[in-house]
Each structure stands twice: as structure tokens, then as C-alpha cells.
Amino acid sequence: IGCAASVLPVFALARIQLMLTLAVA
């Protein structure tokens, strides 16, 4: 999941995307 987080493009709402990634992990 960390590798996926490093290759996914960051959207305008980076904090929310980061929270979702951490929640999924």
C-alpha cells in the first residue's frame, strides 16, 4: 500500500487522499 501511495498522483485534496490511504492500509 505504501508503494501504491508513492506512485498514485496527488490530487488537490492531498490531506484527504492521504487519510483515505492510511485508513485503507
mmCIF file of all heavy atoms, coordinates in Angstrom:
data_MODEL
# 
_entry.id   MODEL 
# 
loop_
_atom_site.group_PDB 
_atom_site.id 
_atom_site.type_symbol 
_atom_site.label_atom_id 
_atom_site.label_alt_id 
_atom_site.label_comp_id 
_atom_site.label_asym_id 
_atom_site.label_entity_id 
_atom_site.label_seq_id 
_atom_site.pdbx_PDB_ins_code 
_atom_site.Cartn_x 
_atom_site.Cartn_y 
_atom_site.Cartn_z 
_atom_site.occupancy 
_atom_site.B_iso_or_equiv 
_atom_site.pdbx_formal_charge 
_atom_site.auth_seq_id 
_atom_site.auth_comp_id 
_atom_site.auth_asym_id 
_atom_site.auth_atom_id 
_atom_site.pdbx_PDB_model_num 
ATOM 1   N N   . ILE A 1 1  ? 0.837   -1.201 0.000   1.00 0.00 ? 1  ILE A N   1 
ATOM 2   C CA  . ILE A 1 1  ? 0.000   0.000  0.000   1.00 0.00 ? 1  ILE A CA  1 
ATOM 3   C C   . ILE A 1 1  ? 0.873   1.253  0.000   1.00 0.00 ? 1  ILE A C   1 
ATOM 4   O O   . ILE A 1 1  ? 0.544   2.254  -0.643  1.00 0.00 ? 1  ILE A O   1 
ATOM 5   C CB  . ILE A 1 1  ? -0.974  -0.029 1.192   1.00 0.00 ? 1  ILE A CB  1 
ATOM 6   C CG1 . ILE A 1 1  ? -1.984  -1.158 0.982   1.00 0.00 ? 1  ILE A CG1 1 
ATOM 7   C CG2 . ILE A 1 1  ? -1.692  1.301  1.351   1.00 0.00 ? 1  ILE A CG2 1 
ATOM 8   C CD1 . ILE A 1 1  ? -2.909  -1.404 2.133   1.00 0.00 ? 1  ILE A CD1 1 
ATOM 9   N N   . GLY A 1 2  ? 2.026   1.210  0.676   1.00 0.00 ? 2  GLY A N   1 
ATOM 10  C CA  . GLY A 1 2  ? 2.955   2.338  0.637   1.00 0.00 ? 2  GLY A CA  1 
ATOM 11  C C   . GLY A 1 2  ? 3.515   2.573  -0.761  1.00 0.00 ? 2  GLY A C   1 
ATOM 12  O O   . GLY A 1 2  ? 3.652   3.717  -1.201  1.00 0.00 ? 2  GLY A O   1 
ATOM 13  N N   . CYS A 1 3  ? 3.828   1.486  -1.471  1.00 0.00 ? 3  CYS A N   1 
ATOM 14  C CA  . CYS A 1 3  ? 4.293   1.625  -2.864  1.00 0.00 ? 3  CYS A CA  1 
ATOM 15  C C   . CYS A 1 3  ? 3.197   2.224  -3.735  1.00 0.00 ? 3  CYS A C   1 
ATOM 16  O O   . CYS A 1 3  ? 3.471   3.065  -4.598  1.00 0.00 ? 3  CYS A O   1 
ATOM 17  C CB  . CYS A 1 3  ? 4.723   0.270  -3.411  1.00 0.00 ? 3  CYS A CB  1 
ATOM 18  S SG  . CYS A 1 3  ? 6.283   -0.299 -2.759  1.00 0.00 ? 3  CYS A SG  1 
ATOM 19  N N   . ALA A 1 4  ? 1.973   1.781  -3.517  1.00 0.00 ? 4  ALA A N   1 
ATOM 20  C CA  . ALA A 1 4  ? 0.854   2.341  -4.287  1.00 0.00 ? 4  ALA A CA  1 
ATOM 21  C C   . ALA A 1 4  ? 0.680   3.826  -3.968  1.00 0.00 ? 4  ALA A C   1 
ATOM 22  O O   . ALA A 1 4  ? 0.399   4.627  -4.864  1.00 0.00 ? 4  ALA A O   1 
ATOM 23  C CB  . ALA A 1 4  ? -0.427  1.573  -3.985  1.00 0.00 ? 4  ALA A CB  1 
ATOM 24  N N   . ALA A 1 5  ? 0.873   4.206  -2.718  1.00 0.00 ? 5  ALA A N   1 
ATOM 25  C CA  . ALA A 1 5  ? 0.742   5.615  -2.340  1.00 0.00 ? 5  ALA A CA  1 
ATOM 26  C C   . ALA A 1 5  ? 1.826   6.474  -2.963  1.00 0.00 ? 5  ALA A C   1 
ATOM 27  O O   . ALA A 1 5  ? 1.625   7.657  -3.217  1.00 0.00 ? 5  ALA A O   1 
ATOM 28  C CB  . ALA A 1 5  ? 0.788   5.761  -0.816  1.00 0.00 ? 5  ALA A CB  1 
ATOM 29  N N   . SER A 1 6  ? 2.988   5.877  -3.232  1.00 0.00 ? 6  SER A N   1 
ATOM 30  C CA  . SER A 1 6  ? 4.071   6.666  -3.824  1.00 0.00 ? 6  SER A CA  1 
ATOM 31  C C   . SER A 1 6  ? 3.921   6.847  -5.325  1.00 0.00 ? 6  SER A C   1 
ATOM 32  O O   . SER A 1 6  ? 4.485   7.782  -5.882  1.00 0.00 ? 6  SER A O   1 
ATOM 33  C CB  . SER A 1 6  ? 5.426   6.039  -3.499  1.00 0.00 ? 6  SER A CB  1 
ATOM 34  O OG  . SER A 1 6  ? 5.565   4.815  -4.172  1.00 0.00 ? 6  SER A OG  1 
ATOM 35  N N   . VAL A 1 7  ? 3.171   5.977  -5.996  1.00 0.00 ? 7  VAL A N   1 
ATOM 36  C CA  . VAL A 1 7  ? 3.034   6.116  -7.450  1.00 0.00 ? 7  VAL A CA  1 
ATOM 37  C C   . VAL A 1 7  ? 1.718   6.750  -7.860  1.00 0.00 ? 7  VAL A C   1 
ATOM 38  O O   . VAL A 1 7  ? 1.573   7.169  -9.006  1.00 0.00 ? 7  VAL A O   1 
ATOM 39  C CB  . VAL A 1 7  ? 3.209   4.753  -8.166  1.00 0.00 ? 7  VAL A CB  1 
ATOM 40  C CG1 . VAL A 1 7  ? 4.600   4.211  -7.960  1.00 0.00 ? 7  VAL A CG1 1 
ATOM 41  C CG2 . VAL A 1 7  ? 2.160   3.759  -7.747  1.00 0.00 ? 7  VAL A CG2 1 
ATOM 42  N N   . LEU A 1 8  ? 0.766   6.826  -6.941  1.00 0.00 ? 8  LEU A N   1 
ATOM 43  C CA  . LEU A 1 8  ? -0.505  7.463  -7.289  1.00 0.00 ? 8  LEU A CA  1 
ATOM 44  C C   . LEU A 1 8  ? -0.322  8.975  -7.396  1.00 0.00 ? 8  LEU A C   1 
ATOM 45  O O   . LEU A 1 8  ? 0.400   9.568  -6.599  1.00 0.00 ? 8  LEU A O   1 
ATOM 46  C CB  . LEU A 1 8  ? -1.558  7.168  -6.210  1.00 0.00 ? 8  LEU A CB  1 
ATOM 47  C CG  . LEU A 1 8  ? -2.091  5.744  -6.148  1.00 0.00 ? 8  LEU A CG  1 
ATOM 48  C CD1 . LEU A 1 8  ? -3.022  5.605  -4.952  1.00 0.00 ? 8  LEU A CD1 1 
ATOM 49  C CD2 . LEU A 1 8  ? -2.806  5.384  -7.422  1.00 0.00 ? 8  LEU A CD2 1 
ATOM 50  N N   . PRO A 1 9  ? -0.966  9.597  -8.370  1.00 0.00 ? 9  PRO A N   1 
ATOM 51  C CA  . PRO A 1 9  ? -0.866  11.059 -8.450  1.00 0.00 ? 9  PRO A CA  1 
ATOM 52  C C   . PRO A 1 9  ? -1.608  11.692 -7.277  1.00 0.00 ? 9  PRO A C   1 
ATOM 53  O O   . PRO A 1 9  ? -2.629  11.187 -6.817  1.00 0.00 ? 9  PRO A O   1 
ATOM 54  C CB  . PRO A 1 9  ? -1.537  11.397 -9.784  1.00 0.00 ? 9  PRO A CB  1 
ATOM 55  C CG  . PRO A 1 9  ? -2.398  10.234 -10.094 1.00 0.00 ? 9  PRO A CG  1 
ATOM 56  C CD  . PRO A 1 9  ? -1.766  9.043  -9.451  1.00 0.00 ? 9  PRO A CD  1 
ATOM 57  N N   . VAL A 1 10 ? -1.083  12.825 -6.812  1.00 0.00 ? 10 VAL A N   1 
ATOM 58  C CA  . VAL A 1 10 ? -1.691  13.530 -5.689  1.00 0.00 ? 10 VAL A CA  1 
ATOM 59  C C   . VAL A 1 10 ? -2.718  14.504 -6.244  1.00 0.00 ? 10 VAL A C   1 
ATOM 60  O O   . VAL A 1 10 ? -2.434  15.290 -7.139  1.00 0.00 ? 10 VAL A O   1 
ATOM 61  C CB  . VAL A 1 10 ? -0.616  14.283 -4.875  1.00 0.00 ? 10 VAL A CB  1 
ATOM 62  C CG1 . VAL A 1 10 ? -1.253  15.061 -3.747  1.00 0.00 ? 10 VAL A CG1 1 
ATOM 63  C CG2 . VAL A 1 10 ? 0.392   13.298 -4.337  1.00 0.00 ? 10 VAL A CG2 1 
ATOM 64  N N   . PHE A 1 11 ? -3.925  14.443 -5.700  1.00 0.00 ? 11 PHE A N   1 
ATOM 65  C CA  . PHE A 1 11 ? -5.000  15.312 -6.155  1.00 0.00 ? 11 PHE A CA  1 
ATOM 66  C C   . PHE A 1 11 ? -4.988  16.605 -5.354  1.00 0.00 ? 11 PHE A C   1 
ATOM 67  O O   . PHE A 1 11 ? -4.151  16.812 -4.491  1.00 0.00 ? 11 PHE A O   1 
ATOM 68  C CB  . PHE A 1 11 ? -6.344  14.590 -6.021  1.00 0.00 ? 11 PHE A CB  1 
ATOM 69  C CG  . PHE A 1 11 ? -6.415  13.333 -6.841  1.00 0.00 ? 11 PHE A CG  1 
ATOM 70  C CD1 . PHE A 1 11 ? -6.459  12.101 -6.222  1.00 0.00 ? 11 PHE A CD1 1 
ATOM 71  C CD2 . PHE A 1 11 ? -6.398  13.392 -8.223  1.00 0.00 ? 11 PHE A CD2 1 
ATOM 72  C CE1 . PHE A 1 11 ? -6.502  10.946 -6.970  1.00 0.00 ? 11 PHE A CE1 1 
ATOM 73  C CE2 . PHE A 1 11 ? -6.439  12.236 -8.985  1.00 0.00 ? 11 PHE A CE2 1 
ATOM 74  C CZ  . PHE A 1 11 ? -6.494  11.008 -8.357  1.00 0.00 ? 11 PHE A CZ  1 
ATOM 75  N N   . ALA A 1 12 ? -5.948  17.462 -5.638  1.00 0.00 ? 12 ALA A N   1 
ATOM 76  C CA  . ALA A 1 12 ? -5.996  18.760 -4.975  1.00 0.00 ? 12 ALA A CA  1 
ATOM 77  C C   . ALA A 1 12 ? -6.202  18.621 -3.463  1.00 0.00 ? 12 ALA A C   1 
ATOM 78  O O   . ALA A 1 12 ? -5.674  19.392 -2.685  1.00 0.00 ? 12 ALA A O   1 
ATOM 79  C CB  . ALA A 1 12 ? -7.114  19.614 -5.579  1.00 0.00 ? 12 ALA A CB  1 
ATOM 80  N N   . LEU A 1 13 ? -6.948  17.635 -3.053  1.00 0.00 ? 13 LEU A N   1 
ATOM 81  C CA  . LEU A 1 13 ? -7.198  17.414 -1.628  1.00 0.00 ? 13 LEU A CA  1 
ATOM 82  C C   . LEU A 1 13 ? -6.227  16.360 -1.108  1.00 0.00 ? 13 LEU A C   1 
ATOM 83  O O   . LEU A 1 13 ? -6.589  15.224 -0.825  1.00 0.00 ? 13 LEU A O   1 
ATOM 84  C CB  . LEU A 1 13 ? -8.645  16.982 -1.406  1.00 0.00 ? 13 LEU A CB  1 
ATOM 85  C CG  . LEU A 1 13 ? -9.703  17.968 -1.908  1.00 0.00 ? 13 LEU A CG  1 
ATOM 86  C CD1 . LEU A 1 13 ? -11.085 17.374 -1.811  1.00 0.00 ? 13 LEU A CD1 1 
ATOM 87  C CD2 . LEU A 1 13 ? -9.622  19.267 -1.129  1.00 0.00 ? 13 LEU A CD2 1 
ATOM 88  N N   . ALA A 1 14 ? -4.980  16.745 -0.982  1.00 0.00 ? 14 ALA A N   1 
ATOM 89  C CA  . ALA A 1 14 ? -3.922  15.792 -0.643  1.00 0.00 ? 14 ALA A CA  1 
ATOM 90  C C   . ALA A 1 14 ? -4.093  15.218 0.758   1.00 0.00 ? 14 ALA A C   1 
ATOM 91  O O   . ALA A 1 14 ? -3.831  14.044 0.986   1.00 0.00 ? 14 ALA A O   1 
ATOM 92  C CB  . ALA A 1 14 ? -2.562  16.466 -0.767  1.00 0.00 ? 14 ALA A CB  1 
ATOM 93  N N   . ARG A 1 15 ? -4.551  16.032 1.709   1.00 0.00 ? 15 ARG A N   1 
ATOM 94  C CA  . ARG A 1 15 ? -4.709  15.526 3.077   1.00 0.00 ? 15 ARG A CA  1 
ATOM 95  C C   . ARG A 1 15 ? -5.798  14.480 3.168   1.00 0.00 ? 15 ARG A C   1 
ATOM 96  O O   . ARG A 1 15 ? -5.644  13.468 3.850   1.00 0.00 ? 15 ARG A O   1 
ATOM 97  C CB  . ARG A 1 15 ? -4.997  16.677 4.030   1.00 0.00 ? 15 ARG A CB  1 
ATOM 98  C CG  . ARG A 1 15 ? -3.756  17.461 4.390   1.00 0.00 ? 15 ARG A CG  1 
ATOM 99  C CD  . ARG A 1 15 ? -4.098  18.573 5.303   1.00 0.00 ? 15 ARG A CD  1 
ATOM 100 N NE  . ARG A 1 15 ? -4.238  19.752 4.452   1.00 0.00 ? 15 ARG A NE  1 
ATOM 101 C CZ  . ARG A 1 15 ? -4.547  20.943 4.868   1.00 0.00 ? 15 ARG A CZ  1 
ATOM 102 N NH1 . ARG A 1 15 ? -4.777  21.157 6.124   1.00 0.00 ? 15 ARG A NH1 1 
ATOM 103 N NH2 . ARG A 1 15 ? -4.624  21.949 4.038   1.00 0.00 ? 15 ARG A NH2 1 
ATOM 104 N N   . ILE A 1 16 ? -6.900  14.708 2.467   1.00 0.00 ? 16 ILE A N   1 
ATOM 105 C CA  . ILE A 1 16 ? -7.994  13.732 2.489   1.00 0.00 ? 16 ILE A CA  1 
ATOM 106 C C   . ILE A 1 16 ? -7.567  12.452 1.785   1.00 0.00 ? 16 ILE A C   1 
ATOM 107 O O   . ILE A 1 16 ? -7.858  11.341 2.252   1.00 0.00 ? 16 ILE A O   1 
ATOM 108 C CB  . ILE A 1 16 ? -9.263  14.341 1.858   1.00 0.00 ? 16 ILE A CB  1 
ATOM 109 C CG1 . ILE A 1 16 ? -9.753  15.483 2.743   1.00 0.00 ? 16 ILE A CG1 1 
ATOM 110 C CG2 . ILE A 1 16 ? -10.343 13.293 1.671   1.00 0.00 ? 16 ILE A CG2 1 
ATOM 111 C CD1 . ILE A 1 16 ? -10.894 16.268 2.187   1.00 0.00 ? 16 ILE A CD1 1 
ATOM 112 N N   . GLN A 1 17 ? -6.863  12.593 0.674   1.00 0.00 ? 17 GLN A N   1 
ATOM 113 C CA  . GLN A 1 17 ? -6.361  11.413 -0.038  1.00 0.00 ? 17 GLN A CA  1 
ATOM 114 C C   . GLN A 1 17 ? -5.386  10.635 0.854   1.00 0.00 ? 17 GLN A C   1 
ATOM 115 O O   . GLN A 1 17 ? -5.420  9.411  0.894   1.00 0.00 ? 17 GLN A O   1 
ATOM 116 C CB  . GLN A 1 17 ? -5.673  11.836 -1.325  1.00 0.00 ? 17 GLN A CB  1 
ATOM 117 C CG  . GLN A 1 17 ? -5.124  10.678 -2.123  1.00 0.00 ? 17 GLN A CG  1 
ATOM 118 C CD  . GLN A 1 17 ? -4.366  11.138 -3.365  1.00 0.00 ? 17 GLN A CD  1 
ATOM 119 O OE1 . GLN A 1 17 ? -4.201  12.336 -3.594  1.00 0.00 ? 17 GLN A OE1 1 
ATOM 120 N NE2 . GLN A 1 17 ? -3.914  10.204 -4.141  1.00 0.00 ? 17 GLN A NE2 1 
ATOM 121 N N   . LEU A 1 18 ? -4.559  11.345 1.579   1.00 0.00 ? 18 LEU A N   1 
ATOM 122 C CA  . LEU A 1 18 ? -3.613  10.699 2.489   1.00 0.00 ? 18 LEU A CA  1 
ATOM 123 C C   . LEU A 1 18 ? -4.338  9.989  3.629   1.00 0.00 ? 18 LEU A C   1 
ATOM 124 O O   . LEU A 1 18 ? -3.981  8.869  4.001   1.00 0.00 ? 18 LEU A O   1 
ATOM 125 C CB  . LEU A 1 18 ? -2.646  11.750 3.025   1.00 0.00 ? 18 LEU A CB  1 
ATOM 126 C CG  . LEU A 1 18 ? -1.368  11.283 3.674   1.00 0.00 ? 18 LEU A CG  1 
ATOM 127 C CD1 . LEU A 1 18 ? -0.598  10.345 2.763   1.00 0.00 ? 18 LEU A CD1 1 
ATOM 128 C CD2 . LEU A 1 18 ? -0.512  12.468 4.035   1.00 0.00 ? 18 LEU A CD2 1 
ATOM 129 N N   . MET A 1 19 ? -5.370  10.622 4.169   1.00 0.00 ? 19 MET A N   1 
ATOM 130 C CA  . MET A 1 19 ? -6.161  9.975  5.226   1.00 0.00 ? 19 MET A CA  1 
ATOM 131 C C   . MET A 1 19 ? -6.847  8.716  4.715   1.00 0.00 ? 19 MET A C   1 
ATOM 132 O O   . MET A 1 19 ? -6.880  7.695  5.416   1.00 0.00 ? 19 MET A O   1 
ATOM 133 C CB  . MET A 1 19 ? -7.202  10.949 5.780   1.00 0.00 ? 19 MET A CB  1 
ATOM 134 C CG  . MET A 1 19 ? -6.668  11.950 6.742   1.00 0.00 ? 19 MET A CG  1 
ATOM 135 S SD  . MET A 1 19 ? -8.047  12.812 7.481   1.00 0.00 ? 19 MET A SD  1 
ATOM 136 C CE  . MET A 1 19 ? -7.334  14.395 7.756   1.00 0.00 ? 19 MET A CE  1 
ATOM 137 N N   . LEU A 1 20 ? -7.381  8.782  3.492   1.00 0.00 ? 20 LEU A N   1 
ATOM 138 C CA  . LEU A 1 20 ? -8.028  7.592  2.919   1.00 0.00 ? 20 LEU A CA  1 
ATOM 139 C C   . LEU A 1 20 ? -7.023  6.468  2.701   1.00 0.00 ? 20 LEU A C   1 
ATOM 140 O O   . LEU A 1 20 ? -7.318  5.303  2.965   1.00 0.00 ? 20 LEU A O   1 
ATOM 141 C CB  . LEU A 1 20 ? -8.732  7.953  1.607   1.00 0.00 ? 20 LEU A CB  1 
ATOM 142 C CG  . LEU A 1 20 ? -10.004 8.776  1.742   1.00 0.00 ? 20 LEU A CG  1 
ATOM 143 C CD1 . LEU A 1 20 ? -10.517 9.188  0.374   1.00 0.00 ? 20 LEU A CD1 1 
ATOM 144 C CD2 . LEU A 1 20 ? -11.064 8.001  2.498   1.00 0.00 ? 20 LEU A CD2 1 
ATOM 145 N N   . THR A 1 21 ? -5.840  6.827  2.235   1.00 0.00 ? 21 THR A N   1 
ATOM 146 C CA  . THR A 1 21 ? -4.799  5.812  2.017   1.00 0.00 ? 21 THR A CA  1 
ATOM 147 C C   . THR A 1 21 ? -4.392  5.170  3.333   1.00 0.00 ? 21 THR A C   1 
ATOM 148 O O   . THR A 1 21 ? -4.255  3.943  3.419   1.00 0.00 ? 21 THR A O   1 
ATOM 149 C CB  . THR A 1 21 ? -3.572  6.442  1.338   1.00 0.00 ? 21 THR A CB  1 
ATOM 150 O OG1 . THR A 1 21 ? -3.979  7.106  0.147   1.00 0.00 ? 21 THR A OG1 1 
ATOM 151 C CG2 . THR A 1 21 ? -2.544  5.393  0.991   1.00 0.00 ? 21 THR A CG2 1 
ATOM 152 N N   . LEU A 1 22 ? -4.211  5.979  4.361   1.00 0.00 ? 22 LEU A N   1 
ATOM 153 C CA  . LEU A 1 22 ? -3.862  5.431  5.672   1.00 0.00 ? 22 LEU A CA  1 
ATOM 154 C C   . LEU A 1 22 ? -4.993  4.577  6.234   1.00 0.00 ? 22 LEU A C   1 
ATOM 155 O O   . LEU A 1 22 ? -4.749  3.524  6.843   1.00 0.00 ? 22 LEU A O   1 
ATOM 156 C CB  . LEU A 1 22 ? -3.521  6.567  6.641   1.00 0.00 ? 22 LEU A CB  1 
ATOM 157 C CG  . LEU A 1 22 ? -2.179  7.248  6.424   1.00 0.00 ? 22 LEU A CG  1 
ATOM 158 C CD1 . LEU A 1 22 ? -2.082  8.498  7.281   1.00 0.00 ? 22 LEU A CD1 1 
ATOM 159 C CD2 . LEU A 1 22 ? -1.038  6.309  6.736   1.00 0.00 ? 22 LEU A CD2 1 
ATOM 160 N N   . ALA A 1 23 ? -6.241  5.008  6.040   1.00 0.00 ? 23 ALA A N   1 
ATOM 161 C CA  . ALA A 1 23 ? -7.380  4.238  6.532   1.00 0.00 ? 23 ALA A CA  1 
ATOM 162 C C   . ALA A 1 23 ? -7.485  2.890  5.814   1.00 0.00 ? 23 ALA A C   1 
ATOM 163 O O   . ALA A 1 23 ? -7.732  1.848  6.445   1.00 0.00 ? 23 ALA A O   1 
ATOM 164 C CB  . ALA A 1 23 ? -8.667  5.034  6.360   1.00 0.00 ? 23 ALA A CB  1 
ATOM 165 N N   . VAL A 1 24 ? -7.268  2.892  4.507   1.00 0.00 ? 24 VAL A N   1 
ATOM 166 C CA  . VAL A 1 24 ? -7.305  1.631  3.748   1.00 0.00 ? 24 VAL A CA  1 
ATOM 167 C C   . VAL A 1 24 ? -6.182  0.709  4.205   1.00 0.00 ? 24 VAL A C   1 
ATOM 168 O O   . VAL A 1 24 ? -6.380  -0.502 4.373   1.00 0.00 ? 24 VAL A O   1 
ATOM 169 C CB  . VAL A 1 24 ? -7.221  1.917  2.225   1.00 0.00 ? 24 VAL A CB  1 
ATOM 170 C CG1 . VAL A 1 24 ? -6.914  0.665  1.437   1.00 0.00 ? 24 VAL A CG1 1 
ATOM 171 C CG2 . VAL A 1 24 ? -8.508  2.543  1.744   1.00 0.00 ? 24 VAL A CG2 1 
ATOM 172 N N   . ALA A 1 25 ? -4.995  1.277  4.417   1.00 0.00 ? 25 ALA A N   1 
ATOM 173 C CA  . ALA A 1 25 ? -3.863  0.456  4.863   1.00 0.00 ? 25 ALA A CA  1 
ATOM 174 C C   . ALA A 1 25 ? -4.126  -0.141 6.237   1.00 0.00 ? 25 ALA A C   1 
ATOM 175 O O   . ALA A 1 25 ? -3.843  -1.320 6.482   1.00 0.00 ? 25 ALA A O   1 
ATOM 176 C CB  . ALA A 1 25 ? -2.584  1.299  4.884   1.00 0.00 ? 25 ALA A CB  1 
# 
